Amino acid sequence: MDKIIVLENIYYDLDKWDIRDDAALELDKLVTMLVDNPEIKIELSSHTDDRAPDQYNMQLSERRAKSAVNYLVSQGIDPNRLITLYYGETKPIADNSTTEGRAKNRRVEMKVVFE
């Protein structure tokens, strides 16, 4: 528990849910943290920009969270340690009227959960 690992959000391309190379690097940090700390769980919350209908964005959000979970499981992480939440476009962190803002909103955030 005395290690510090900085995790950036996992970002996605427009209308995509595949894990990009930059996201894989961040997820690999998360794998290391989970292996080193078997008592914690991770909450993965998935988000989209607002460029599609609400229902579609919720489905896309779910696919993004599942792609992150699938990556972690493929690296040996027990899926019971991973909690997923889907928010679609409901919790933007940036302005959806700009290209940069929309790119920041297409993300999966991670939070450590102790049980």
C-alpha atoms as a PDB file:
ATOM      1  CA  MET A   1       0.000   0.000   0.000  1.00  0.00           C
ATOM      2  CA  ASP A   2       2.993   2.322   0.202  1.00  0.00           C
ATOM      3  CA  LYS A   3       3.389   2.555  -3.584  1.00  0.00           C
ATOM      4  CA  ILE A   4       2.040   5.509  -5.488  1.00  0.00           C
ATOM      5  CA  ILE A   5       0.626   4.758  -8.922  1.00  0.00           C
ATOM      6  CA  VAL A   6      -0.839   7.617 -10.908  1.00  0.00           C
ATOM      7  CA  LEU A   7      -3.636   6.513 -13.228  1.00  0.00           C
ATOM      8  CA  GLU A   8      -4.955   8.703 -15.974  1.00  0.00           C
ATOM      9  CA  ASN A   9      -8.472   8.224 -17.247  1.00  0.00           C
ATOM     10  CA  ILE A  10      -8.865   5.731 -20.055  1.00  0.00           C
ATOM     11  CA  TYR A  11      -9.928   7.592 -23.210  1.00  0.00           C
ATOM     12  CA  TYR A  12     -11.698   6.340 -26.330  1.00  0.00           C
ATOM     13  CA  ASP A  13     -12.014   7.465 -29.914  1.00  0.00           C
ATOM     14  CA  LEU A  14     -15.364   8.679 -31.226  1.00  0.00           C
ATOM     15  CA  ASP A  15     -17.942   5.878 -31.362  1.00  0.00           C
ATOM     16  CA  LYS A  16     -15.303   3.291 -30.330  1.00  0.00           C
ATOM     17  CA  TRP A  17     -14.817   1.074 -27.304  1.00  0.00           C
ATOM     18  CA  ASP A  18     -11.574  -0.714 -28.152  1.00  0.00           C
ATOM     19  CA  ILE A  19      -8.587  -0.230 -25.851  1.00  0.00           C
ATOM     20  CA  ARG A  20      -6.097   2.187 -27.390  1.00  0.00           C
ATOM     21  CA  ASP A  21      -2.353   1.792 -26.815  1.00  0.00           C
ATOM     22  CA  ASP A  22      -2.271   4.732 -24.393  1.00  0.00           C
ATOM     23  CA  ALA A  23      -5.160   3.215 -22.437  1.00  0.00           C
ATOM     24  CA  ALA A  24      -3.423  -0.171 -22.279  1.00  0.00           C
ATOM     25  CA  LEU A  25      -0.451   1.508 -20.578  1.00  0.00           C
ATOM     26  CA  GLU A  26      -2.748   2.957 -17.915  1.00  0.00           C
ATOM     27  CA  LEU A  27      -4.603  -0.325 -17.462  1.00  0.00           C
ATOM     28  CA  ASP A  28      -1.269  -2.110 -17.023  1.00  0.00           C
ATOM     29  CA  LYS A  29      -0.534   0.235 -14.094  1.00  0.00           C
ATOM     30  CA  LEU A  30      -3.897  -0.740 -12.650  1.00  0.00           C
ATOM     31  CA  VAL A  31      -3.069  -4.454 -13.064  1.00  0.00           C
ATOM     32  CA  THR A  32       0.156  -3.908 -11.091  1.00  0.00           C
ATOM     33  CA  MET A  33      -1.727  -2.109  -8.331  1.00  0.00           C
ATOM     34  CA  LEU A  34      -4.384  -4.830  -8.112  1.00  0.00           C
ATOM     35  CA  VAL A  35      -1.798  -7.620  -8.021  1.00  0.00           C
ATOM     36  CA  ASP A  36       0.135  -5.804  -5.288  1.00  0.00           C
ATOM     37  CA  ASN A  37      -3.034  -5.064  -3.279  1.00  0.00           C
ATOM     38  CA  PRO A  38      -5.389  -8.068  -3.380  1.00  0.00           C
ATOM     39  CA  GLU A  39      -7.733  -6.550  -0.795  1.00  0.00           C
ATOM     40  CA  ILE A  40      -8.985  -3.738  -2.996  1.00  0.00           C
ATOM     41  CA  LYS A  41     -11.564  -3.538  -5.743  1.00  0.00           C
ATOM     42  CA  ILE A  42     -11.778  -1.021  -8.544  1.00  0.00           C
ATOM     43  CA  GLU A  43     -14.864   0.863  -9.652  1.00  0.00           C
ATOM     44  CA  LEU A  44     -14.800   1.655 -13.369  1.00  0.00           C
ATOM     45  CA  SER A  45     -17.245   4.360 -14.431  1.00  0.00           C
ATOM     46  CA  SER A  46     -17.722   4.826 -18.145  1.00  0.00           C
ATOM     47  CA  HIS A  47     -18.734   8.005 -19.990  1.00  0.00           C
ATOM     48  CA  THR A  48     -19.369   9.352 -23.488  1.00  0.00           C
ATOM     49  CA  ASP A  49     -19.614  12.715 -25.177  1.00  0.00           C
ATOM     50  CA  ASP A  50     -23.049  13.991 -26.231  1.00  0.00           C
ATOM     51  CA  ARG A  51     -22.854  13.440 -29.990  1.00  0.00           C
ATOM     52  CA  ALA A  52     -25.340  10.540 -30.142  1.00  0.00           C
ATOM     53  CA  PRO A  53     -28.790   9.868 -28.659  1.00  0.00           C
ATOM     54  CA  ASP A  54     -28.964   9.205 -24.913  1.00  0.00           C
ATOM     55  CA  GLN A  55     -29.864   5.519 -25.215  1.00  0.00           C
ATOM     56  CA  TYR A  56     -27.062   4.859 -27.701  1.00  0.00           C
ATOM     57  CA  ASN A  57     -24.573   6.640 -25.423  1.00  0.00           C
ATOM     58  CA  MET A  58     -25.598   4.456 -22.482  1.00  0.00           C
ATOM     59  CA  GLN A  59     -24.991   1.349 -24.598  1.00  0.00           C
ATOM     60  CA  LEU A  60     -21.653   2.722 -25.803  1.00  0.00           C
ATOM     61  CA  SER A  61     -20.731   3.538 -22.223  1.00  0.00           C
ATOM     62  CA  GLU A  62     -21.461  -0.065 -21.228  1.00  0.00           C
ATOM     63  CA  ARG A  63     -19.324  -1.412 -24.095  1.00  0.00           C
ATOM     64  CA  ARG A  64     -16.439   0.838 -23.034  1.00  0.00           C
ATOM     65  CA  ALA A  65     -16.582  -0.332 -19.435  1.00  0.00           C
ATOM     66  CA  LYS A  66     -16.739  -3.955 -20.562  1.00  0.00           C
ATOM     67  CA  SER A  67     -13.717  -3.503 -22.827  1.00  0.00           C
ATOM     68  CA  ALA A  68     -11.700  -2.198 -19.865  1.00  0.00           C
ATOM     69  CA  VAL A  69     -12.894  -5.090 -17.686  1.00  0.00           C
ATOM     70  CA  ASN A  70     -12.095  -7.616 -20.423  1.00  0.00           C
ATOM     71  CA  TYR A  71      -8.588  -6.202 -20.709  1.00  0.00           C
ATOM     72  CA  LEU A  72      -8.006  -6.451 -16.951  1.00  0.00           C
ATOM     73  CA  VAL A  73      -9.396  -9.988 -16.803  1.00  0.00           C
ATOM     74  CA  SER A  74      -7.138 -10.983 -19.722  1.00  0.00           C
ATOM     75  CA  GLN A  75      -4.237  -9.870 -17.530  1.00  0.00           C
ATOM     76  CA  GLY A  76      -5.303 -12.202 -14.711  1.00  0.00           C
ATOM     77  CA  ILE A  77      -7.478  -9.901 -12.596  1.00  0.00           C
ATOM     78  CA  ASP A  78     -10.497 -11.560 -10.967  1.00  0.00           C
ATOM     79  CA  PRO A  79     -13.651  -9.980 -12.439  1.00  0.00           C
ATOM     80  CA  ASN A  80     -15.226 -10.024  -8.952  1.00  0.00           C
ATOM     81  CA  ARG A  81     -12.799  -7.234  -8.040  1.00  0.00           C
ATOM     82  CA  LEU A  82     -14.151  -4.946 -10.756  1.00  0.00           C
ATOM     83  CA  ILE A  83     -17.311  -2.875 -10.397  1.00  0.00           C
ATOM     84  CA  THR A  84     -18.719  -1.151 -13.478  1.00  0.00           C
ATOM     85  CA  LEU A  85     -21.001   1.861 -13.747  1.00  0.00           C
ATOM     86  CA  TYR A  86     -22.328   3.405 -16.974  1.00  0.00           C
ATOM     87  CA  TYR A  87     -23.173   7.085 -17.236  1.00  0.00           C
ATOM     88  CA  GLY A  88     -23.324   7.782 -20.960  1.00  0.00           C
ATOM     89  CA  GLU A  89     -23.258  11.538 -21.498  1.00  0.00           C
ATOM     90  CA  THR A  90     -24.751  12.470 -18.093  1.00  0.00           C
ATOM     91  CA  LYS A  91     -21.500  13.412 -16.290  1.00  0.00           C
ATOM     92  CA  PRO A  92     -19.281  15.440 -18.605  1.00  0.00           C
ATOM     93  CA  ILE A  93     -16.014  16.810 -17.259  1.00  0.00           C
ATOM     94  CA  ALA A  94     -15.469  19.168 -20.193  1.00  0.00           C
ATOM     95  CA  ASP A  95     -17.440  21.285 -22.625  1.00  0.00           C
ATOM     96  CA  ASN A  96     -19.073  19.119 -25.302  1.00  0.00           C
ATOM     97  CA  SER A  97     -19.082  22.031 -27.748  1.00  0.00           C
ATOM     98  CA  THR A  98     -15.372  21.611 -28.529  1.00  0.00           C
ATOM     99  CA  THR A  99     -13.412  18.731 -30.058  1.00  0.00           C
ATOM    100  CA  GLU A 100     -11.044  18.690 -27.075  1.00  0.00           C
ATOM    101  CA  GLY A 101     -13.893  18.701 -24.578  1.00  0.00           C
ATOM    102  CA  ARG A 102     -15.716  15.860 -26.290  1.00  0.00           C
ATOM    103  CA  ALA A 103     -12.488  13.817 -26.358  1.00  0.00           C
ATOM    104  CA  LYS A 104     -12.072  14.295 -22.580  1.00  0.00           C
ATOM    105  CA  ASN A 105     -15.652  13.178 -21.974  1.00  0.00           C
ATOM    106  CA  ARG A 106     -15.116   9.843 -23.797  1.00  0.00           C
ATOM    107  CA  ARG A 107     -13.489   8.120 -20.830  1.00  0.00           C
ATOM    108  CA  VAL A 108     -13.497   5.458 -18.144  1.00  0.00           C
ATOM    109  CA  GLU A 109     -12.622   6.686 -14.678  1.00  0.00           C
ATOM    110  CA  MET A 110     -11.212   4.444 -11.960  1.00  0.00           C
ATOM    111  CA  LYS A 111     -11.757   4.589  -8.215  1.00  0.00           C
ATOM    112  CA  VAL A 112     -10.221   2.345  -5.556  1.00  0.00           C
ATOM    113  CA  VAL A 113     -12.785   0.655  -3.305  1.00  0.00           C
ATOM    114  CA  PHE A 114     -11.779  -1.006  -0.017  1.00  0.00           C
ATOM    115  CA  GLU A 115     -13.949  -3.748   1.415  1.00  0.00           C
END
